[in-house]
Every structure is written in structure tokens, then in C-alpha cells.
Amino acid sequence: LIILMHGDREVSTKQLARQVGRKAITPSEPAVAQRHTGYLVGGTSPFGTRKPLPVYIERSILDLERVYINGGRRGLLVGLAPSEIVRVLHANPVDVAL
């Protein structure tokens, strides 16, 4: 899965697991993330992943006017309205910020 989070916050994996109906969730190893997404860590984008992955978005991000998200290459940021991220990626809102 992919979780979209504020850059200055962390994800509560315990809360995320509860909200997506899993017993536990752990961060992926870089090689596994690259194999599933096709992107190098540091340039991972939720757009155009190699395998379809469920996308979750921190609910408080939806209150922002515009967010900047990785466009698939290190240093490439794309500015979008959060509603467009939800629409295009079918992202599910969750409350998991620490």
C-alpha cells in the first residue's frame, strides 16, 4: 500500500493497520518498494506504479488548498488539489498522523 502523509509527520502503523483492517503494517524494505512501484526510494510516486497498490491519504491533507507530491523522479514535484489526488488515485482518507 501507499500512504500519503505530511512531510513533517510520521505514520502510526498501528492506527493504519486498524483502519485498513490488518493485524499489523510495517514499512517496506527499499528493494521491495522498488520492485512493486518501479521507483527508487526518495523518488517514489503514487502515480504510475508498476503494480496497482491501494492508496491512503492522511485526512488532514484534504483540508489543504494545494499539495506537492512526488511526480516519479527525484526532485520532480507536482502541485495538485487534494481532491484531484483522491479522484485520480482513488485514495482512501485515514487518520494516522503522529
PDB file of N, CA and C in Angstrom:
ATOM      1  N   LEU A   1       0.836  -1.182   0.000  1.00  0.00           N
ATOM      2  CA  LEU A   1       0.000   0.000   0.000  1.00  0.00           C
ATOM      3  C   LEU A   1       0.872   1.233   0.000  1.00  0.00           C
ATOM      4  N   ILE A   2       0.295   2.341  -0.363  1.00  0.00           N
ATOM      5  CA  ILE A   2       0.984   3.638  -0.330  1.00  0.00           C
ATOM      6  C   ILE A   2       0.184   4.545   0.583  1.00  0.00           C
ATOM      7  N   ILE A   3       0.890   5.237   1.480  1.00  0.00           N
ATOM      8  CA  ILE A   3       0.241   6.204   2.363  1.00  0.00           C
ATOM      9  C   ILE A   3       0.812   7.584   2.050  1.00  0.00           C
ATOM     10  N   LEU A   4      -0.067   8.543   1.824  1.00  0.00           N
ATOM     11  CA  LEU A   4       0.351   9.925   1.581  1.00  0.00           C
ATOM     12  C   LEU A   4       0.227  10.685   2.892  1.00  0.00           C
ATOM     13  N   MET A   5       1.339  11.263   3.341  1.00  0.00           N
ATOM     14  CA  MET A   5       1.415  11.900   4.654  1.00  0.00           C
ATOM     15  C   MET A   5       2.118  13.240   4.529  1.00  0.00           C
ATOM     16  N   HIS A   6       1.807  14.146   5.438  1.00  0.00           N
ATOM     17  CA  HIS A   6       2.516  15.424   5.531  1.00  0.00           C
ATOM     18  C   HIS A   6       4.011  15.137   5.675  1.00  0.00           C
ATOM     19  N   GLY A   7       4.831  15.976   5.073  1.00  0.00           N
ATOM     20  CA  GLY A   7       6.279  15.770   5.124  1.00  0.00           C
ATOM     21  C   GLY A   7       6.886  15.907   6.499  1.00  0.00           C
ATOM     22  N   ASP A   8       6.215  16.618   7.410  1.00  0.00           N
ATOM     23  CA  ASP A   8       6.775  16.827   8.747  1.00  0.00           C
ATOM     24  C   ASP A   8       6.131  15.923   9.800  1.00  0.00           C
ATOM     25  N   ARG A   9       5.430  14.902   9.369  1.00  0.00           N
ATOM     26  CA  ARG A   9       4.774  13.987  10.305  1.00  0.00           C
ATOM     27  C   ARG A   9       5.135  12.546   9.975  1.00  0.00           C
ATOM     28  N   GLU A  10       4.834  11.677  10.917  1.00  0.00           N
ATOM     29  CA  GLU A  10       5.062  10.251  10.724  1.00  0.00           C
ATOM     30  C   GLU A  10       3.736   9.515  10.689  1.00  0.00           C
ATOM     31  N   VAL A  11       3.775   8.301  10.198  1.00  0.00           N
ATOM     32  CA  VAL A  11       2.589   7.452  10.113  1.00  0.00           C
ATOM     33  C   VAL A  11       2.554   6.528  11.320  1.00  0.00           C
ATOM     34  N   SER A  12       1.419   6.472  11.993  1.00  0.00           N
ATOM     35  CA  SER A  12       1.207   5.473  13.039  1.00  0.00           C
ATOM     36  C   SER A  12       0.810   4.182  12.338  1.00  0.00           C
ATOM     37  N   THR A  13       1.746   3.236  12.259  1.00  0.00           N
ATOM     38  CA  THR A  13       1.452   1.988  11.571  1.00  0.00           C
ATOM     39  C   THR A  13       0.381   1.192  12.320  1.00  0.00           C
ATOM     40  N   LYS A  14       0.327   1.366  13.617  1.00  0.00           N
ATOM     41  CA  LYS A  14      -0.690   0.687  14.416  1.00  0.00           C
ATOM     42  C   LYS A  14      -2.090   1.197  14.042  1.00  0.00           C
ATOM     43  N   GLN A  15      -2.239   2.532  13.972  1.00  0.00           N
ATOM     44  CA  GLN A  15      -3.527   3.123  13.579  1.00  0.00           C
ATOM     45  C   GLN A  15      -3.874   2.780  12.126  1.00  0.00           C
ATOM     46  N   LEU A  16      -2.876   2.805  11.259  1.00  0.00           N
ATOM     47  CA  LEU A  16      -3.119   2.481   9.855  1.00  0.00           C
ATOM     48  C   LEU A  16      -3.618   1.042   9.722  1.00  0.00           C
ATOM     49  N   ALA A  17      -2.981   0.119  10.415  1.00  0.00           N
ATOM     50  CA  ALA A  17      -3.405  -1.280  10.368  1.00  0.00           C
ATOM     51  C   ALA A  17      -4.859  -1.415  10.811  1.00  0.00           C
ATOM     52  N   ARG A  18      -5.208  -0.755  11.904  1.00  0.00           N
ATOM     53  CA  ARG A  18      -6.594  -0.812  12.389  1.00  0.00           C
ATOM     54  C   ARG A  18      -7.579  -0.290  11.351  1.00  0.00           C
ATOM     55  N   GLN A  19      -7.222   0.833  10.721  1.00  0.00           N
ATOM     56  CA  GLN A  19      -8.157   1.488   9.805  1.00  0.00           C
ATOM     57  C   GLN A  19      -8.296   0.779   8.454  1.00  0.00           C
ATOM     58  N   VAL A  20      -7.300  -0.039   8.096  1.00  0.00           N
ATOM     59  CA  VAL A  20      -7.398  -0.771   6.826  1.00  0.00           C
ATOM     60  C   VAL A  20      -7.722  -2.245   7.048  1.00  0.00           C
ATOM     61  N   GLY A  21      -7.973  -2.626   8.302  1.00  0.00           N
ATOM     62  CA  GLY A  21      -8.393  -3.984   8.595  1.00  0.00           C
ATOM     63  C   GLY A  21      -7.300  -5.024   8.590  1.00  0.00           C
ATOM     64  N   ARG A  22      -6.100  -4.628   8.984  1.00  0.00           N
ATOM     65  CA  ARG A  22      -4.966  -5.546   9.052  1.00  0.00           C
ATOM     66  C   ARG A  22      -4.537  -5.724  10.492  1.00  0.00           C
ATOM     67  N   LYS A  23      -3.837  -6.819  10.789  1.00  0.00           N
ATOM     68  CA  LYS A  23      -3.309  -7.032  12.140  1.00  0.00           C
ATOM     69  C   LYS A  23      -2.116  -6.117  12.387  1.00  0.00           C
ATOM     70  N   ALA A  24      -1.268  -5.974  11.372  1.00  0.00           N
ATOM     71  CA  ALA A  24      -0.071  -5.137  11.503  1.00  0.00           C
ATOM     72  C   ALA A  24       0.367  -4.666  10.121  1.00  0.00           C
ATOM     73  N   ILE A  25       1.071  -3.538  10.130  1.00  0.00           N
ATOM     74  CA  ILE A  25       1.678  -2.992   8.910  1.00  0.00           C
ATOM     75  C   ILE A  25       3.084  -2.559   9.264  1.00  0.00           C
ATOM     76  N   THR A  26       4.031  -2.908   8.426  1.00  0.00           N
ATOM     77  CA  THR A  26       5.413  -2.490   8.635  1.00  0.00           C
ATOM     78  C   THR A  26       5.914  -1.806   7.368  1.00  0.00           C
ATOM     79  N   PRO A  27       6.830  -0.856   7.515  1.00  0.00           N
ATOM     80  CA  PRO A  27       7.386  -0.199   6.333  1.00  0.00           C
ATOM     81  C   PRO A  27       8.107  -1.211   5.431  1.00  0.00           C
ATOM     82  N   SER A  28       8.037  -0.980   4.157  1.00  0.00           N
ATOM     83  CA  SER A  28       8.665  -1.858   3.172  1.00  0.00           C
ATOM     84  C   SER A  28      10.169  -1.626   3.124  1.00  0.00           C
ATOM     85  N   GLU A  29      10.892  -2.677   2.829  1.00  0.00           N
ATOM     86  CA  GLU A  29      12.328  -2.549   2.552  1.00  0.00           C
ATOM     87  C   GLU A  29      12.472  -1.832   1.207  1.00  0.00           C
ATOM     88  N   PRO A  30      13.519  -1.029   1.036  1.00  0.00           N
ATOM     89  CA  PRO A  30      13.680  -0.277  -0.219  1.00  0.00           C
ATOM     90  C   PRO A  30      13.622  -1.147  -1.477  1.00  0.00           C
ATOM     91  N   ALA A  31      14.236  -2.315  -1.465  1.00  0.00           N
ATOM     92  CA  ALA A  31      14.233  -3.178  -2.654  1.00  0.00           C
ATOM     93  C   ALA A  31      12.826  -3.675  -2.975  1.00  0.00           C
ATOM     94  N   VAL A  32      12.046  -3.966  -1.957  1.00  0.00           N
ATOM     95  CA  VAL A  32      10.671  -4.426  -2.157  1.00  0.00           C
ATOM     96  C   VAL A  32       9.815  -3.278  -2.701  1.00  0.00           C
ATOM     97  N   ALA A  33       9.989  -2.092  -2.124  1.00  0.00           N
ATOM     98  CA  ALA A  33       9.240  -0.920  -2.603  1.00  0.00           C
ATOM     99  C   ALA A  33       9.565  -0.644  -4.071  1.00  0.00           C
ATOM    100  N   GLN A  34      10.832  -0.751  -4.445  1.00  0.00           N
ATOM    101  CA  GLN A  34      11.218  -0.505  -5.832  1.00  0.00           C
ATOM    102  C   GLN A  34      10.624  -1.571  -6.751  1.00  0.00           C
ATOM    103  N   ARG A  35      10.605  -2.814  -6.308  1.00  0.00           N
ATOM    104  CA  ARG A  35      10.060  -3.892  -7.130  1.00  0.00           C
ATOM    105  C   ARG A  35       8.560  -3.684  -7.389  1.00  0.00           C
ATOM    106  N   HIS A  36       7.820  -3.219  -6.378  1.00  0.00           N
ATOM    107  CA  HIS A  36       6.378  -3.049  -6.525  1.00  0.00           C
ATOM    108  C   HIS A  36       5.983  -1.744  -7.228  1.00  0.00           C
ATOM    109  N   THR A  37       6.781  -0.697  -7.021  1.00  0.00           N
ATOM    110  CA  THR A  37       6.414   0.598  -7.586  1.00  0.00           C
ATOM    111  C   THR A  37       7.145   0.936  -8.880  1.00  0.00           C
ATOM    112  N   GLY A  38       8.366   0.412  -9.019  1.00  0.00           N
ATOM    113  CA  GLY A  38       9.189   0.786 -10.164  1.00  0.00           C
ATOM    114  C   GLY A  38       9.999   2.043  -9.913  1.00  0.00           C
ATOM    115  N   TYR A  39       9.895   2.593  -8.700  1.00  0.00           N
ATOM    116  CA  TYR A  39      10.609   3.826  -8.354  1.00  0.00           C
ATOM    117  C   TYR A  39      11.669   3.576  -7.301  1.00  0.00           C
ATOM    118  N   LEU A  40      12.750   4.341  -7.377  1.00  0.00           N
ATOM    119  CA  LEU A  40      13.771   4.309  -6.335  1.00  0.00           C
ATOM    120  C   LEU A  40      13.249   5.035  -5.104  1.00  0.00           C
ATOM    121  N   VAL A  41      13.627   4.551  -3.935  1.00  0.00           N
ATOM    122  CA  VAL A  41      13.243   5.230  -2.698  1.00  0.00           C
ATOM    123  C   VAL A  41      13.821   6.641  -2.738  1.00  0.00           C
ATOM    124  N   GLY A  42      13.002   7.606  -2.378  1.00  0.00           N
ATOM    125  CA  GLY A  42      13.381   9.006  -2.490  1.00  0.00           C
ATOM    126  C   GLY A  42      12.738   9.643  -3.717  1.00  0.00           C
ATOM    127  N   GLY A  43      12.268   8.803  -4.643  1.00  0.00           N
ATOM    128  CA  GLY A  43      11.583   9.283  -5.824  1.00  0.00           C
ATOM    129  C   GLY A  43      10.289   8.522  -6.045  1.00  0.00           C
ATOM    130  N   THR A  44       9.797   7.881  -4.999  1.00  0.00           N
ATOM    131  CA  THR A  44       8.570   7.089  -5.113  1.00  0.00           C
ATOM    132  C   THR A  44       7.368   7.994  -5.299  1.00  0.00           C
ATOM    133  N   SER A  45       6.549   7.644  -6.259  1.00  0.00           N
ATOM    134  CA  SER A  45       5.338   8.393  -6.555  1.00  0.00           C
ATOM    135  C   SER A  45       4.144   7.447  -6.483  1.00  0.00           C
ATOM    136  N   PRO A  46       2.992   7.939  -6.078  1.00  0.00           N
ATOM    137  CA  PRO A  46       1.807   7.081  -6.115  1.00  0.00           C
ATOM    138  C   PRO A  46       1.234   6.949  -7.529  1.00  0.00           C
ATOM    139  N   PHE A  47       1.748   7.747  -8.463  1.00  0.00           N
ATOM    140  CA  PHE A  47       1.264   7.724  -9.844  1.00  0.00           C
ATOM    141  C   PHE A  47       2.096   6.749 -10.681  1.00  0.00           C
ATOM    142  N   GLY A  48       1.440   5.941 -11.470  1.00  0.00           N
ATOM    143  CA  GLY A  48       2.143   5.078 -12.420  1.00  0.00           C
ATOM    144  C   GLY A  48       2.977   3.993 -11.792  1.00  0.00           C
ATOM    145  N   THR A  49       2.511   3.409 -10.708  1.00  0.00           N
ATOM    146  CA  THR A  49       3.275   2.331 -10.078  1.00  0.00           C
ATOM    147  C   THR A  49       3.224   1.084 -10.959  1.00  0.00           C
ATOM    148  N   ARG A  50       4.253   0.284 -10.831  1.00  0.00           N
ATOM    149  CA  ARG A  50       4.372  -0.932 -11.625  1.00  0.00           C
ATOM    150  C   ARG A  50       3.203  -1.876 -11.358  1.00  0.00           C
ATOM    151  N   LYS A  51       2.850  -2.025 -10.085  1.00  0.00           N
ATOM    152  CA  LYS A  51       1.711  -2.851  -9.693  1.00  0.00           C
ATOM    153  C   LYS A  51       0.646  -1.934  -9.095  1.00  0.00           C
ATOM    154  N   PRO A  52      -0.617  -2.231  -9.327  1.00  0.00           N
ATOM    155  CA  PRO A  52      -1.662  -1.411  -8.685  1.00  0.00           C
ATOM    156  C   PRO A  52      -1.602  -1.599  -7.170  1.00  0.00           C
ATOM    157  N   LEU A  53      -1.524  -0.511  -6.452  1.00  0.00           N
ATOM    158  CA  LEU A  53      -1.438  -0.553  -4.992  1.00  0.00           C
ATOM    159  C   LEU A  53      -2.539   0.320  -4.402  1.00  0.00           C
ATOM    160  N   PRO A  54      -3.136  -0.121  -3.288  1.00  0.00           N
ATOM    161  CA  PRO A  54      -4.119   0.744  -2.642  1.00  0.00           C
ATOM    162  C   PRO A  54      -3.424   1.997  -2.097  1.00  0.00           C
ATOM    163  N   VAL A  55      -4.077   3.141  -2.233  1.00  0.00           N
ATOM    164  CA  VAL A  55      -3.509   4.408  -1.776  1.00  0.00           C
ATOM    165  C   VAL A  55      -4.383   4.964  -0.662  1.00  0.00           C
ATOM    166  N   TYR A  56      -3.731   5.397   0.411  1.00  0.00           N
ATOM    167  CA  TYR A  56      -4.403   6.029   1.539  1.00  0.00           C
ATOM    168  C   TYR A  56      -3.812   7.419   1.700  1.00  0.00           C
ATOM    169  N   ILE A  57      -4.638   8.354   2.151  1.00  0.00           N
ATOM    170  CA  ILE A  57      -4.197   9.742   2.328  1.00  0.00           C
ATOM    171  C   ILE A  57      -4.603  10.212   3.714  1.00  0.00           C
ATOM    172  N   GLU A  58      -3.679  10.841   4.411  1.00  0.00           N
ATOM    173  CA  GLU A  58      -3.984  11.409   5.730  1.00  0.00           C
ATOM    174  C   GLU A  58      -5.122  12.407   5.555  1.00  0.00           C
ATOM    175  N   ARG A  59      -6.173  12.226   6.336  1.00  0.00           N
ATOM    176  CA  ARG A  59      -7.393  13.028   6.183  1.00  0.00           C
ATOM    177  C   ARG A  59      -7.126  14.539   6.266  1.00  0.00           C
ATOM    178  N   SER A  60      -6.217  14.970   7.123  1.00  0.00           N
ATOM    179  CA  SER A  60      -5.970  16.409   7.278  1.00  0.00           C
ATOM    180  C   SER A  60      -5.368  17.039   6.022  1.00  0.00           C
ATOM    181  N   ILE A  61      -4.808  16.239   5.140  1.00  0.00           N
ATOM    182  CA  ILE A  61      -4.285  16.764   3.875  1.00  0.00           C
ATOM    183  C   ILE A  61      -5.429  17.305   3.017  1.00  0.00           C
ATOM    184  N   LEU A  62      -6.610  16.723   3.180  1.00  0.00           N
ATOM    185  CA  LEU A  62      -7.759  17.137   2.376  1.00  0.00           C
ATOM    186  C   LEU A  62      -8.200  18.565   2.671  1.00  0.00           C
ATOM    187  N   ASP A  63      -7.763  19.122   3.813  1.00  0.00           N
ATOM    188  CA  ASP A  63      -8.107  20.499   4.176  1.00  0.00           C
ATOM    189  C   ASP A  63      -7.206  21.532   3.505  1.00  0.00           C
ATOM    190  N   LEU A  64      -6.147  21.083   2.865  1.00  0.00           N
ATOM    191  CA  LEU A  64      -5.202  21.996   2.230  1.00  0.00           C
ATOM    192  C   LEU A  64      -5.689  22.390   0.837  1.00  0.00           C
ATOM    193  N   GLU A  65      -5.295  23.584   0.421  1.00  0.00           N
ATOM    194  CA  GLU A  65      -5.682  24.072  -0.901  1.00  0.00           C
ATOM    195  C   GLU A  65      -4.910  23.362  -2.005  1.00  0.00           C
ATOM    196  N   ARG A  66      -3.631  23.142  -1.780  1.00  0.00           N
ATOM    197  CA  ARG A  66      -2.748  22.514  -2.775  1.00  0.00           C
ATOM    198  C   ARG A  66      -1.670  21.741  -2.030  1.00  0.00           C
ATOM    199  N   VAL A  67      -1.316  20.594  -2.580  1.00  0.00           N
ATOM    200  CA  VAL A  67      -0.222  19.804  -2.027  1.00  0.00           C
ATOM    201  C   VAL A  67       0.773  19.515  -3.137  1.00  0.00           C
ATOM    202  N   TYR A  68       2.001  19.295  -2.744  1.00  0.00           N
ATOM    203  CA  TYR A  68       3.053  18.961  -3.697  1.00  0.00           C
ATOM    204  C   TYR A  68       3.472  17.528  -3.432  1.00  0.00           C
ATOM    205  N   ILE A  69       3.403  16.739  -4.482  1.00  0.00           N
ATOM    206  CA  ILE A  69       3.625  15.310  -4.357  1.00  0.00           C
ATOM    207  C   ILE A  69       4.646  14.878  -5.397  1.00  0.00           C
ATOM    208  N   ASN A  70       5.404  13.842  -5.076  1.00  0.00           N
ATOM    209  CA  ASN A  70       6.438  13.379  -5.981  1.00  0.00           C
ATOM    210  C   ASN A  70       5.830  12.951  -7.308  1.00  0.00           C
ATOM    211  N   GLY A  71       6.427  13.437  -8.382  1.00  0.00           N
ATOM    212  CA  GLY A  71       5.934  13.137  -9.716  1.00  0.00           C
ATOM    213  C   GLY A  71       6.586  11.940 -10.366  1.00  0.00           C
ATOM    214  N   GLY A  72       7.425  11.213  -9.615  1.00  0.00           N
ATOM    215  CA  GLY A  72       8.015   9.992 -10.159  1.00  0.00           C
ATOM    216  C   GLY A  72       9.500  10.051 -10.425  1.00  0.00           C
ATOM    217  N   ARG A  73      10.126  11.147 -10.033  1.00  0.00           N
ATOM    218  CA  ARG A  73      11.569  11.275 -10.194  1.00  0.00           C
ATOM    219  C   ARG A  73      12.073  12.153  -9.064  1.00  0.00           C
ATOM    220  N   ARG A  74      13.249  11.890  -8.593  1.00  0.00           N
ATOM    221  CA  ARG A  74      13.801  12.717  -7.522  1.00  0.00           C
ATOM    222  C   ARG A  74      13.836  14.180  -7.962  1.00  0.00           C
ATOM    223  N   GLY A  75      13.258  15.024  -7.104  1.00  0.00           N
ATOM    224  CA  GLY A  75      13.252  16.453  -7.388  1.00  0.00           C
ATOM    225  C   GLY A  75      12.081  16.935  -8.228  1.00  0.00           C
ATOM    226  N   LEU A  76      11.255  16.026  -8.734  1.00  0.00           N
ATOM    227  CA  LEU A  76      10.100  16.418  -9.542  1.00  0.00           C
ATOM    228  C   LEU A  76       8.848  16.417  -8.669  1.00  0.00           C
ATOM    229  N   LEU A  77       8.351  17.603  -8.373  1.00  0.00           N
ATOM    230  CA  LEU A  77       7.145  17.733  -7.562  1.00  0.00           C
ATOM    231  C   LEU A  77       6.006  18.245  -8.430  1.00  0.00           C
ATOM    232  N   VAL A  78       4.810  17.730  -8.154  1.00  0.00           N
ATOM    233  CA  VAL A  78       3.617  18.133  -8.881  1.00  0.00           C
ATOM    234  C   VAL A  78       2.653  18.747  -7.879  1.00  0.00           C
ATOM    235  N   GLY A  79       2.153  19.956  -8.153  1.00  0.00           N
ATOM    236  CA  GLY A  79       1.192  20.606  -7.275  1.00  0.00           C
ATOM    237  C   GLY A  79      -0.232  20.284  -7.704  1.00  0.00           C
ATOM    238  N   LEU A  80      -1.008  19.759  -6.767  1.00  0.00           N
ATOM    239  CA  LEU A  80      -2.384  19.365  -7.068  1.00  0.00           C
ATOM    240  C   LEU A  80      -3.304  19.715  -5.912  1.00  0.00           C
ATOM    241  N   ALA A  81      -4.566  19.873  -6.222  1.00  0.00           N
ATOM    242  CA  ALA A  81      -5.571  19.977  -5.165  1.00  0.00           C
ATOM    243  C   ALA A  81      -5.747  18.576  -4.591  1.00  0.00           C
ATOM    244  N   PRO A  82      -5.877  18.444  -3.263  1.00  0.00           N
ATOM    245  CA  PRO A  82      -6.055  17.121  -2.659  1.00  0.00           C
ATOM    246  C   PRO A  82      -7.240  16.351  -3.237  1.00  0.00           C
ATOM    247  N   SER A  83      -8.295  17.058  -3.618  1.00  0.00           N
ATOM    248  CA  SER A  83      -9.456  16.373  -4.196  1.00  0.00           C
ATOM    249  C   SER A  83      -9.096  15.660  -5.501  1.00  0.00           C
ATOM    250  N   GLU A  84      -8.148  16.206  -6.261  1.00  0.00           N
ATOM    251  CA  GLU A  84      -7.706  15.574  -7.504  1.00  0.00           C
ATOM    252  C   GLU A  84      -6.899  14.307  -7.210  1.00  0.00           C
ATOM    253  N   ILE A  85      -6.117  14.336  -6.144  1.00  0.00           N
ATOM    254  CA  ILE A  85      -5.358  13.142  -5.744  1.00  0.00           C
ATOM    255  C   ILE A  85      -6.337  12.016  -5.403  1.00  0.00           C
ATOM    256  N   VAL A  86      -7.354  12.353  -4.636  1.00  0.00           N
ATOM    257  CA  VAL A  86      -8.362  11.355  -4.259  1.00  0.00           C
ATOM    258  C   VAL A  86      -9.074  10.835  -5.502  1.00  0.00           C
ATOM    259  N   ARG A  87      -9.432  11.724  -6.393  1.00  0.00           N
ATOM    260  CA  ARG A  87     -10.164  11.334  -7.607  1.00  0.00           C
ATOM    261  C   ARG A  87      -9.328  10.427  -8.508  1.00  0.00           C
ATOM    262  N   VAL A  88      -8.105  10.829  -8.769  1.00  0.00           N
ATOM    263  CA  VAL A  88      -7.262  10.099  -9.712  1.00  0.00           C
ATOM    264  C   VAL A  88      -6.745   8.776  -9.133  1.00  0.00           C
ATOM    265  N   LEU A  89      -6.351   8.802  -7.860  1.00  0.00           N
ATOM    266  CA  LEU A  89      -5.755   7.617  -7.252  1.00  0.00           C
ATOM    267  C   LEU A  89      -6.750   6.766  -6.465  1.00  0.00           C
ATOM    268  N   HIS A  90      -7.995   7.247  -6.364  1.00  0.00           N
ATOM    269  CA  HIS A  90      -8.995   6.557  -5.530  1.00  0.00           C
ATOM    270  C   HIS A  90      -8.453   6.377  -4.107  1.00  0.00           C
ATOM    271  N   ALA A  91      -7.808   7.428  -3.613  1.00  0.00           N
ATOM    272  CA  ALA A  91      -7.186   7.393  -2.286  1.00  0.00           C
ATOM    273  C   ALA A  91      -8.247   7.421  -1.192  1.00  0.00           C
ATOM    274  N   ASN A  92      -8.060   6.590  -0.196  1.00  0.00           N
ATOM    275  CA  ASN A  92      -8.974   6.495   0.939  1.00  0.00           C
ATOM    276  C   ASN A  92      -8.443   7.311   2.110  1.00  0.00           C
ATOM    277  N   PRO A  93      -9.211   8.256   2.645  1.00  0.00           N
ATOM    278  CA  PRO A  93      -8.756   9.046   3.783  1.00  0.00           C
ATOM    279  C   PRO A  93      -8.653   8.214   5.062  1.00  0.00           C
ATOM    280  N   VAL A  94      -7.584   8.450   5.816  1.00  0.00           N
ATOM    281  CA  VAL A  94      -7.351   7.800   7.105  1.00  0.00           C
ATOM    282  C   VAL A  94      -6.802   8.827   8.083  1.00  0.00           C
ATOM    283  N   ASP A  95      -6.938   8.551   9.384  1.00  0.00           N
ATOM    284  CA  ASP A  95      -6.387   9.412  10.437  1.00  0.00           C
ATOM    285  C   ASP A  95      -5.252   8.667  11.112  1.00  0.00           C
ATOM    286  N   VAL A  96      -4.022   8.892  10.621  1.00  0.00           N
ATOM    287  CA  VAL A  96      -2.886   8.106  11.120  1.00  0.00           C
ATOM    288  C   VAL A  96      -1.636   8.949  11.393  1.00  0.00           C
ATOM    289  N   ALA A  97      -1.757  10.268  11.425  1.00  0.00           N
ATOM    290  CA  ALA A  97      -0.594  11.143  11.613  1.00  0.00           C
ATOM    291  C   ALA A  97      -0.143  11.152  13.073  1.00  0.00           C
ATOM    292  N   LEU A  98       1.175  11.140  13.258  1.00  0.00           N
ATOM    293  CA  LEU A  98       1.775  11.307  14.577  1.00  0.00           C
ATOM    294  C   LEU A  98       2.399  12.687  14.659  1.00  0.00           C
TER     295      LEU A  98
END
